[in-house]
Amino acid sequence: MRKMVVLGMGAAALLATAAFAQDEDNTRLAAAEKSAAFTKLDTDADGRVSAIEAAADSKVAQGFTAADADKDGYLSKAEFAQLGKSMDHAAPDDRTAPPTAPRSESSPPSDYSAPPK
């Protein structure tokens, strides 16, 4: 019985180590992809992305004004990284679904159980 406990704990430790290593690899890969995306958008290689350069990527263009923290008309690497983090943390529905109009207080609630008349 004791061997089973020791083996179980060893297996759990190995799995945790593998999961941590995979998370670290994923983080490095994501950082490299974001750096490559920044470099690709920075067509004049001045170390910043202008609104015109950002227009090449609809997601970056959409969040450009909010991401430009110092309001200088450019995204620095740090501002670009922050934009990427905010896009990563947005719920999938927030990134893809169009905004919906609020329902009016006067409209009756939908009753989907009744057949249409």
Protein backbone atom coordinates (compact mmCIF):
# COMPACT_ATOMS: atom_id res chain seq x y z
CA MET A 1 0.00 0.00 0.00
CA ARG A 2 2.83 2.35 0.86
CA LYS A 3 4.42 1.78 -2.56
CA MET A 4 1.14 2.77 -4.22
CA VAL A 5 1.03 6.04 -2.29
CA VAL A 6 4.66 6.84 -3.13
CA LEU A 7 4.11 5.96 -6.81
CA GLY A 8 0.94 8.04 -6.89
CA MET A 9 2.71 11.05 -5.40
CA GLY A 10 5.60 10.63 -7.84
CA ALA A 11 3.21 10.49 -10.79
CA ALA A 12 1.38 13.57 -9.56
CA ALA A 13 4.67 15.46 -9.25
CA LEU A 14 5.66 14.49 -12.79
CA LEU A 15 2.31 15.61 -14.17
CA ALA A 16 2.52 18.93 -12.35
CA THR A 17 6.04 19.50 -13.69
CA ALA A 18 4.93 18.68 -17.23
CA ALA A 19 1.94 21.02 -16.96
CA PHE A 20 4.15 23.83 -15.66
CA ALA A 21 6.66 23.32 -18.47
CA GLN A 22 3.87 23.37 -21.04
CA ASP A 23 2.46 26.61 -19.57
CA GLU A 24 5.93 28.17 -19.70
CA ASP A 25 6.35 27.07 -23.32
CA ASN A 26 2.92 28.46 -24.21
CA THR A 27 3.80 31.77 -22.56
CA ARG A 28 7.06 32.01 -24.50
CA LEU A 29 5.30 31.13 -27.74
CA ALA A 30 2.60 33.74 -27.15
CA ALA A 31 5.23 36.39 -26.38
CA ALA A 32 7.16 35.51 -29.54
CA GLU A 33 3.98 35.67 -31.63
CA LYS A 34 3.07 39.08 -30.19
CA SER A 35 6.58 40.36 -30.85
CA ALA A 36 6.40 39.09 -34.42
CA ALA A 37 2.97 40.70 -34.85
CA PHE A 38 4.34 44.02 -33.59
CA THR A 39 7.32 43.82 -35.95
CA LYS A 40 5.06 42.95 -38.88
CA LEU A 41 2.80 45.96 -38.20
CA ASP A 42 5.74 48.33 -37.64
CA THR A 43 6.43 48.64 -41.36
CA ASP A 44 8.74 51.66 -41.05
CA ALA A 45 10.73 49.95 -38.26
CA ASP A 46 10.65 52.97 -35.95
CA GLY A 47 9.79 50.85 -32.89
CA ARG A 48 6.17 51.94 -32.68
CA VAL A 49 2.92 51.28 -34.53
CA SER A 50 1.00 54.22 -35.96
CA ALA A 51 -2.75 54.23 -36.55
CA ILE A 52 -2.08 53.82 -40.28
CA GLU A 53 0.13 50.79 -39.65
CA ALA A 54 -2.44 49.38 -37.20
CA ALA A 55 -5.10 49.50 -39.91
CA ALA A 56 -3.50 46.37 -41.41
CA ASP A 57 -4.93 44.36 -38.48
CA SER A 58 -8.62 44.95 -37.76
CA LYS A 59 -8.38 43.87 -34.10
CA VAL A 60 -5.45 46.19 -33.41
CA ALA A 61 -7.13 49.02 -35.31
CA GLN A 62 -10.31 48.54 -33.28
CA GLY A 63 -8.49 48.80 -29.95
CA PHE A 64 -5.87 51.34 -31.04
CA THR A 65 -7.30 54.46 -29.38
CA ALA A 66 -7.91 52.74 -26.05
CA ALA A 67 -4.47 51.09 -26.12
CA ASP A 68 -2.63 54.34 -26.84
CA ALA A 69 -2.20 55.13 -23.13
CA ASP A 70 -0.02 58.22 -23.60
CA LYS A 71 -2.19 59.51 -26.48
CA ASP A 72 0.78 60.20 -28.73
CA GLY A 73 -0.82 58.56 -31.77
CA TYR A 74 1.43 55.49 -31.65
CA LEU A 75 1.49 52.16 -29.87
CA SER A 76 4.75 51.37 -28.11
CA LYS A 77 5.74 47.75 -27.58
CA ALA A 78 4.37 47.97 -24.03
CA GLU A 79 1.06 49.45 -25.19
CA PHE A 80 0.81 46.82 -27.92
CA ALA A 81 1.48 44.06 -25.36
CA GLN A 82 -1.21 45.49 -23.07
CA LEU A 83 -3.66 45.52 -25.98
CA GLY A 84 -2.83 41.88 -26.63
CA LYS A 85 -3.45 40.99 -22.99
CA SER A 86 -6.80 42.78 -22.96
CA MET A 87 -7.82 40.96 -26.16
CA ASP A 88 -6.70 37.64 -24.65
CA HIS A 89 -8.75 38.24 -21.50
CA ALA A 90 -11.90 39.26 -23.35
CA ALA A 91 -14.57 36.60 -23.39
CA PRO A 92 -14.93 34.91 -26.80
CA ASP A 93 -18.46 36.25 -27.09
CA ASP A 94 -17.20 39.80 -26.44
CA ARG A 95 -14.77 39.54 -29.37
CA THR A 96 -17.09 37.97 -31.93
CA ALA A 97 -20.71 38.79 -31.14
CA PRO A 98 -22.13 42.10 -32.34
CA PRO A 99 -23.52 44.36 -29.61
CA THR A 100 -27.21 43.90 -28.92
CA ALA A 101 -29.69 46.63 -28.20
CA PRO A 102 -31.17 46.62 -24.72
CA ARG A 103 -34.70 45.32 -24.54
CA SER A 104 -37.34 47.92 -23.95
CA GLU A 105 -39.20 47.85 -20.65
CA SER A 106 -42.52 48.06 -22.50
CA SER A 107 -41.96 45.05 -24.75
CA PRO A 108 -43.56 41.88 -23.46
CA PRO A 109 -41.26 39.01 -22.51
CA SER A 110 -40.78 36.32 -25.11
CA ASP A 111 -42.75 33.15 -24.50
CA TYR A 112 -41.09 30.44 -26.52
CA SER A 113 -43.31 27.71 -25.12
CA ALA A 114 -46.41 28.93 -26.96
CA PRO A 115 -46.70 28.27 -30.70
CA PRO A 116 -46.68 31.31 -33.00
CA LYS A 117 -50.10 32.71 -33.92
